[in-house]
Amino acid sequence: MQARLGDDVMGEDPTVRELEEHMASLFGKEKALFVPTGTMANLVALLAHCHTRSAEVIIGQESHLCLWEGGHAAGLGGIHTRQLPEDCTTAELDVEQVKDAVRDDSDDHWPETKLLCLENTHNMCGGVALSPGYMSKMAKLAHGLGFKCHVDGARIFNSVVAQGVTPKELCKDVDSVAVCFSKGL
């Protein structure tokens, strides 16, 4: 009964604003947005980065985005997924395969690559944690190729603890991170 309340739609809920500010600071990002589910957080990120229809996102074929999010990238966002195999011992995508998968808008038959997605920790690869070095390398690869990098970080705090790093260190070069509060807190 004593909780501070406000209309979140109008940005008036002080506890939501405080949570968003804390998470943005924790990850070293400009802003954060609280949404009800991790799946929704990933979809919001995909829609923000792939704001044109017929955009393409490069994802792992064993990733949560590929296997467990209902095809929402395509169904709701009009976003094509380019699925590459991960090495499940490391949960990493191969740099050369990522480079080979990139498509630009020079051919009307292709969707244009707009985003690279990583998963940390990687659920279907047994919870493997991606290192800060790998995350940085892949984000810089994406940026060098002209697009963004998003992390499905539903279990990102498991990665943080396992590697003894801060969320800011782990995600310093990626453009966005989705965090799920029902996992790994």
Foldseek 3Di string as FASTA:
>chain_A
DPQQQDDVVVPRGVVQQVVFVVVCVQQVHPTGHDDDFLLVVVLVVLCVQCVDALEEEEEACQACNNPPNPCCCCVVVNYHYDYAHAPLVQQDGDLVVVVVPADDPPDVVHRHYAEYEGEALGVRSPRHGHALVRLQVVQVSQVVVPHFYEYSDQQVLVNCVVVVHTSNSSNVRHNYYRYGPVHND
